[in-house]
Amino acid sequence: MYEVRFHGRGGQGAVMAAQALASAAFKEGYYAVAFPYFGAERRGAPVLAFTRMDKQKIRRKNQVYNPSFVVILDDRLIDLVNVSEGLNPSGAAVVNTRKSPEEIDLGMEIKVGVVDATSVALEVLGVPITNSAILGAFAKTTGVVSIEAVEEGIRDIFGGRIGKEAGEKNAKAARVAYDRTVVGTSRGEKKMVSKKQWLPTVQELPLGLATRSMETDAGLVGPGSFVENKTGSWRTFKPVFNRDKCVMCLLCWFYCPEGAIKRVDGGKTLEFDFDYCKGCGICAEECPTKAIEMVRD
């Protein structure tokens, strides 16, 4: 049995990627199942999805804890989540990144395929949704399913959900990513911190249960822990501020949902807190003088 764990962010389409991979595997003669794990249902928050493929009927219904392959839709998750936890040493990782395989440190030396899926998505689809492109990289890296089966799986799942034209575009993104994927071996220098088995997730806590803040090996958890969670790693684009165009109307400061814009120099100018700015672009949209421009981070 092949077990695949997808690590992505809300809005990147990890769930649809898992479903399209299952469809592709079915076309190659596998039994296949795909299912999500829902945490905070908000754009940018880390999410998980899973796919199982086997020549025998699949009866397992639990999460994937010891994957054959991990698919990482955003390489910044490597610094936030132990993406290689339980990964079979004979398996592989697929990473959306602008780095080379040798620059990727997963805490273990393992086969890894890398592609700049974000650039592929922007080029082919016009939006930074990387799920279809990363499937092309998966086909190139693992060889478990062919790129032709992946394209068909994408047409089935994406075309059925968002239209035939969108299905064709996403299939093209997978093919482009397949051609651009580079396969190598990751580094194994980083010490990855695993969650203690007894420590529940927010989703596993009973409703109404009060918790206290706790310092763990993985960081601060519980009330007030948001201060430690640098949500700036969620963004794909970042605001660039042109002081010469700014008239200090403060509309950006007022509308920023994260409170990531600060008044500095006695209130004469502004500064962005990139530890927490998620790159939503609301500030640039609201700015009447176009003093803020969103650029690729």
Protein backbone atom coordinates (compact mmCIF):
# COMPACT_ATOMS: atom_id res chain seq x y z
CA MET A 1 0.00 0.00 0.00
CA TYR A 2 1.13 3.52 -0.80
CA GLU A 3 0.12 6.17 1.73
CA VAL A 4 0.45 9.87 0.91
CA ARG A 5 0.21 12.80 3.30
CA PHE A 6 -0.34 16.28 1.89
CA HIS A 7 0.84 19.30 3.88
CA GLY A 8 -0.65 22.55 2.63
CA ARG A 9 -2.39 25.74 3.64
CA GLY A 10 -6.05 26.61 3.49
CA GLY A 11 -6.83 27.81 -0.02
CA GLN A 12 -4.03 25.88 -1.78
CA GLY A 13 -6.31 22.95 -2.63
CA ALA A 14 -4.65 20.11 -0.72
CA VAL A 15 -7.95 18.23 -0.43
CA MET A 16 -8.66 18.41 -4.17
CA ALA A 17 -5.08 17.32 -4.86
CA ALA A 18 -5.57 14.23 -2.69
CA GLN A 19 -8.83 13.45 -4.50
CA ALA A 20 -7.28 13.94 -7.94
CA LEU A 21 -4.39 11.66 -7.01
CA ALA A 22 -6.87 8.99 -5.89
CA SER A 23 -8.69 9.32 -9.21
CA ALA A 24 -5.38 9.01 -11.10
CA ALA A 25 -4.44 5.91 -9.09
CA PHE A 26 -7.83 4.32 -9.83
CA LYS A 27 -7.17 4.76 -13.55
CA GLU A 28 -3.88 2.90 -13.10
CA GLY A 29 -5.58 -0.11 -11.54
CA TYR A 30 -5.39 0.78 -7.84
CA TYR A 31 -8.05 0.87 -5.20
CA ALA A 32 -7.80 4.39 -3.80
CA VAL A 33 -9.30 6.60 -1.09
CA ALA A 34 -8.75 10.27 -0.26
CA PHE A 35 -9.88 12.25 2.76
CA PRO A 36 -9.06 15.51 4.57
CA TYR A 37 -8.19 16.42 8.13
CA PHE A 38 -9.87 19.69 9.01
CA GLY A 39 -8.28 22.05 11.50
CA ALA A 40 -8.75 25.81 11.43
CA GLU A 41 -10.79 26.35 8.28
CA ARG A 42 -9.23 29.62 7.24
CA ARG A 43 -7.15 30.59 4.26
CA GLY A 44 -3.44 30.22 4.96
CA ALA A 45 -3.72 27.96 8.01
CA PRO A 46 -1.81 24.64 7.82
CA VAL A 47 -4.02 21.75 6.68
CA LEU A 48 -3.62 18.03 5.99
CA ALA A 49 -5.08 15.67 3.41
CA PHE A 50 -4.40 12.00 2.72
CA THR A 51 -4.50 9.47 -0.10
CA ARG A 52 -4.16 5.69 0.09
CA MET A 53 -3.51 3.48 -2.95
CA ASP A 54 -3.32 -0.31 -3.02
CA LYS A 55 -3.88 -3.26 -5.35
CA GLN A 56 -6.04 -4.77 -2.60
CA LYS A 57 -9.22 -3.37 -1.12
CA ILE A 58 -8.49 -0.64 1.42
CA ARG A 59 -10.12 -1.01 4.81
CA ARG A 60 -8.11 1.51 6.83
CA LYS A 61 -10.02 4.67 7.71
CA ASN A 62 -7.57 6.37 10.06
CA GLN A 63 -5.17 9.23 9.33
CA VAL A 64 -1.85 8.50 7.67
CA TYR A 65 0.86 8.41 10.33
CA ASN A 66 3.61 6.56 8.45
CA PRO A 67 3.40 7.84 4.88
CA SER A 68 5.23 6.41 1.91
CA PHE A 69 5.32 9.92 0.46
CA VAL A 70 4.78 13.44 1.75
CA VAL A 71 3.68 16.29 -0.53
CA ILE A 72 4.47 19.79 0.72
CA LEU A 73 2.57 22.55 -1.06
CA ASP A 74 4.49 25.35 0.72
CA ASP A 75 8.14 24.91 1.70
CA ARG A 76 7.76 27.36 4.60
CA LEU A 77 5.73 24.69 6.38
CA ILE A 78 8.99 22.77 6.86
CA ASP A 79 9.96 25.29 9.55
CA LEU A 80 6.55 25.13 11.25
CA VAL A 81 5.49 21.50 11.06
CA ASN A 82 7.38 18.21 11.28
CA VAL A 83 6.44 17.30 7.71
CA SER A 84 8.69 14.22 7.66
CA GLU A 85 7.25 12.70 10.84
CA GLY A 86 6.75 8.96 10.30
CA LEU A 87 7.98 9.14 6.69
CA ASN A 88 9.24 5.81 5.34
CA PRO A 89 13.02 6.17 4.69
CA SER A 90 12.55 4.34 1.39
CA GLY A 91 9.84 6.79 0.34
CA ALA A 92 10.09 10.32 -1.02
CA ALA A 93 9.05 13.92 -0.49
CA VAL A 94 7.69 16.37 -3.05
CA VAL A 95 8.18 20.06 -2.28
CA ASN A 96 6.92 23.30 -3.81
CA THR A 97 10.02 25.48 -3.54
CA ARG A 98 12.49 27.61 -5.43
CA LYS A 99 15.35 25.73 -3.75
CA SER A 100 17.36 22.80 -5.12
CA PRO A 101 16.92 19.30 -3.61
CA GLU A 102 20.23 19.63 -1.76
CA GLU A 103 19.02 22.81 -0.04
CA ILE A 104 15.93 21.12 1.41
CA ASP A 105 16.48 19.91 4.98
CA LEU A 106 13.81 17.45 6.12
CA GLY A 107 15.73 16.07 9.09
CA MET A 108 16.52 12.94 7.07
CA GLU A 109 18.29 12.14 3.83
CA ILE A 110 15.59 11.01 1.44
CA LYS A 111 14.62 11.21 -2.20
CA VAL A 112 13.00 14.57 -2.88
CA GLY A 113 11.47 16.20 -5.93
CA VAL A 114 11.33 19.97 -6.10
CA VAL A 115 9.48 22.39 -8.38
CA ASP A 116 8.44 26.02 -8.15
CA ALA A 117 4.75 25.12 -8.30
CA THR A 118 3.71 28.63 -7.28
CA SER A 119 5.35 30.12 -10.38
CA VAL A 120 3.81 27.40 -12.55
CA ALA A 121 0.36 28.13 -11.10
CA LEU A 122 0.73 31.88 -11.62
CA GLU A 123 1.97 31.32 -15.16
CA VAL A 124 -0.69 28.81 -16.25
CA LEU A 125 -3.67 29.55 -13.99
CA GLY A 126 -3.07 33.15 -12.99
CA VAL A 127 -3.52 32.36 -9.29
CA PRO A 128 -1.09 30.91 -6.69
CA ILE A 129 -3.07 27.69 -6.15
CA THR A 130 -0.48 24.94 -6.37
CA ASN A 131 -2.44 21.71 -6.02
CA SER A 132 -2.49 20.63 -9.66
CA ALA A 133 1.13 21.59 -10.32
CA ILE A 134 2.39 19.66 -7.31
CA LEU A 135 0.69 16.51 -8.63
CA GLY A 136 2.81 16.73 -11.76
CA ALA A 137 5.87 16.83 -9.52
CA PHE A 138 4.53 13.83 -7.58
CA ALA A 139 4.26 11.80 -10.78
CA LYS A 140 7.82 12.71 -11.80
CA THR A 141 9.32 12.02 -8.35
CA THR A 142 7.59 8.78 -7.37
CA GLY A 143 6.64 7.03 -10.60
CA VAL A 144 3.66 5.47 -8.79
CA VAL A 145 1.23 7.02 -11.26
CA SER A 146 1.92 8.31 -14.75
CA ILE A 147 1.59 11.96 -15.70
CA GLU A 148 -1.14 10.95 -18.17
CA ALA A 149 -3.18 9.39 -15.34
CA VAL A 150 -2.60 12.51 -13.21
CA GLU A 151 -3.88 14.71 -16.03
CA GLU A 152 -7.00 12.56 -16.35
CA GLY A 153 -7.54 12.58 -12.59
CA ILE A 154 -7.31 16.36 -12.57
CA ARG A 155 -9.77 16.66 -15.45
CA ASP A 156 -12.21 14.43 -13.53
CA ILE A 157 -11.98 16.16 -10.14
CA PHE A 158 -11.23 19.74 -11.13
CA GLY A 159 -13.36 19.68 -14.26
CA GLY A 160 -16.30 18.27 -12.32
CA ARG A 161 -16.01 20.94 -9.61
CA ILE A 162 -15.00 24.12 -11.41
CA GLY A 163 -15.66 23.45 -15.09
CA LYS A 164 -14.09 21.71 -18.08
CA GLU A 165 -11.90 24.68 -19.07
CA ALA A 166 -10.47 24.93 -15.56
CA GLY A 167 -9.84 21.18 -15.60
CA GLU A 168 -7.81 21.49 -18.81
CA LYS A 169 -5.79 24.42 -17.45
CA ASN A 170 -4.97 22.54 -14.25
CA ALA A 171 -3.97 19.45 -16.24
CA LYS A 172 -1.62 21.70 -18.23
CA ALA A 173 -0.15 23.05 -14.96
CA ALA A 174 0.57 19.47 -13.86
CA ARG A 175 2.35 18.72 -17.14
CA VAL A 176 4.46 21.90 -16.95
CA ALA A 177 5.44 21.12 -13.36
CA TYR A 178 6.26 17.52 -14.34
CA ASP A 179 8.71 18.78 -16.97
CA ARG A 180 10.32 21.24 -14.54
CA THR A 181 10.66 18.94 -11.53
CA VAL A 182 14.19 18.20 -10.33
CA VAL A 183 14.79 15.05 -8.28
CA GLY A 184 17.63 14.65 -5.80
CA THR A 185 18.36 13.90 -2.15
CA SER A 186 17.44 16.11 0.78
CA ARG A 187 19.71 17.02 3.68
CA GLY A 188 19.19 15.44 7.09
CA GLU A 189 20.78 17.96 9.43
CA LYS A 190 17.73 19.56 11.05
CA LYS A 191 16.43 18.18 14.33
CA MET A 192 12.69 17.85 13.85
CA VAL A 193 10.50 18.13 16.96
CA SER A 194 7.65 15.66 17.21
CA LYS A 195 4.44 16.29 19.13
CA LYS A 196 4.24 14.18 22.29
CA GLN A 197 1.64 11.47 21.87
CA TRP A 198 -0.33 12.63 24.91
CA LEU A 199 -0.67 16.23 23.75
CA PRO A 200 -4.07 16.66 22.05
CA THR A 201 -4.72 18.96 19.17
CA VAL A 202 -7.35 21.70 19.37
CA GLN A 203 -9.70 19.53 17.31
CA GLU A 204 -9.37 16.64 19.78
CA LEU A 205 -10.28 18.64 22.90
CA PRO A 206 -13.82 18.24 24.28
CA LEU A 207 -16.12 21.20 23.67
CA GLY A 208 -16.06 23.75 26.48
CA LEU A 209 -12.81 22.49 27.99
CA ALA A 210 -10.60 25.26 29.39
CA THR A 211 -6.85 24.92 28.84
CA ARG A 212 -3.86 26.75 30.18
CA SER A 213 -0.84 27.98 28.28
CA MET A 214 1.91 25.38 28.13
CA GLU A 215 5.49 25.53 26.89
CA THR A 216 6.29 22.37 24.91
CA ASP A 217 9.19 21.14 22.77
CA ALA A 218 7.19 22.28 19.76
CA GLY A 219 6.55 25.77 21.18
CA LEU A 220 3.88 27.57 23.18
CA VAL A 221 0.36 26.12 23.01
CA GLY A 222 -2.92 27.21 24.55
CA PRO A 223 -4.34 30.69 25.25
CA GLY A 224 -2.06 33.51 24.13
CA SER A 225 0.03 31.24 21.90
CA PHE A 226 -0.94 33.28 18.83
CA VAL A 227 1.88 35.69 19.71
CA GLU A 228 4.37 32.90 19.03
CA ASN A 229 2.69 31.87 15.75
CA LYS A 230 4.36 33.98 13.08
CA THR A 231 1.55 33.99 10.54
CA GLY A 232 3.65 36.02 8.12
CA SER A 233 4.86 32.69 6.72
CA TRP A 234 1.36 32.14 5.33
CA ARG A 235 1.67 34.71 2.57
CA THR A 236 2.55 34.34 -1.09
CA PHE A 237 2.62 38.08 -1.84
CA LYS A 238 3.81 40.93 0.36
CA PRO A 239 3.02 44.66 0.36
CA VAL A 240 5.70 47.12 -0.77
CA PHE A 241 5.18 50.63 0.60
CA ASN A 242 6.05 53.78 -1.38
CA ARG A 243 6.33 56.61 1.17
CA ASP A 244 6.44 59.27 -1.54
CA LYS A 245 2.91 58.39 -2.69
CA CYS A 246 1.45 58.02 0.81
CA VAL A 247 -0.86 60.81 2.04
CA MET A 248 -1.34 59.22 5.50
CA CYS A 249 -5.08 58.73 5.04
CA LEU A 250 -4.65 55.59 7.24
CA LEU A 251 -7.20 53.56 5.30
CA CYS A 252 -4.69 50.69 5.09
CA TRP A 253 -4.07 50.88 8.84
CA PHE A 254 -7.80 50.90 9.52
CA TYR A 255 -8.69 47.98 7.23
CA CYS A 256 -5.74 45.66 7.98
CA PRO A 257 -7.38 42.57 9.55
CA GLU A 258 -4.17 41.53 11.32
CA GLY A 259 -3.20 44.88 12.81
CA ALA A 260 0.11 44.44 11.01
CA ILE A 261 0.48 48.11 9.99
CA LYS A 262 2.03 50.41 12.56
CA ARG A 263 2.23 54.21 12.75
CA VAL A 264 5.86 55.19 13.39
CA ASP A 265 8.04 58.30 13.53
CA GLY A 266 5.50 60.16 15.59
CA GLY A 267 2.64 59.13 13.31
CA LYS A 268 4.29 60.62 10.22
CA THR A 269 4.73 57.34 8.33
CA LEU A 270 3.83 53.64 8.39
CA GLU A 271 5.63 50.36 8.89
CA PHE A 272 4.56 46.77 8.15
CA ASP A 273 5.01 43.96 10.66
CA PHE A 274 5.99 41.10 8.36
CA ASP A 275 6.01 38.60 11.22
CA TYR A 276 2.21 38.69 11.09
CA CYS A 277 1.26 40.20 7.70
CA LYS A 278 -0.40 37.42 5.67
CA GLY A 279 -0.26 39.25 2.37
CA CYS A 280 -4.03 39.44 1.93
CA GLY A 281 -3.70 42.59 -0.19
CA ILE A 282 -6.55 44.50 1.46
CA CYS A 283 -4.21 47.42 2.20
CA ALA A 284 -3.22 47.73 -1.47
CA GLU A 285 -6.86 47.47 -2.56
CA GLU A 286 -7.98 50.24 -0.19
CA CYS A 287 -5.08 52.65 -0.79
CA PRO A 288 -6.46 55.59 -2.84
CA THR A 289 -3.04 56.76 -4.06
CA LYS A 290 -1.68 53.28 -4.89
CA ALA A 291 1.19 53.74 -2.46
CA ILE A 292 1.10 50.00 -1.71
CA GLU A 293 1.91 47.34 -4.30
CA MET A 294 1.67 43.56 -3.80
CA VAL A 295 4.73 41.65 -5.03
CA ARG A 296 5.79 38.00 -4.86
CA ASP A 297 7.37 37.26 -1.49
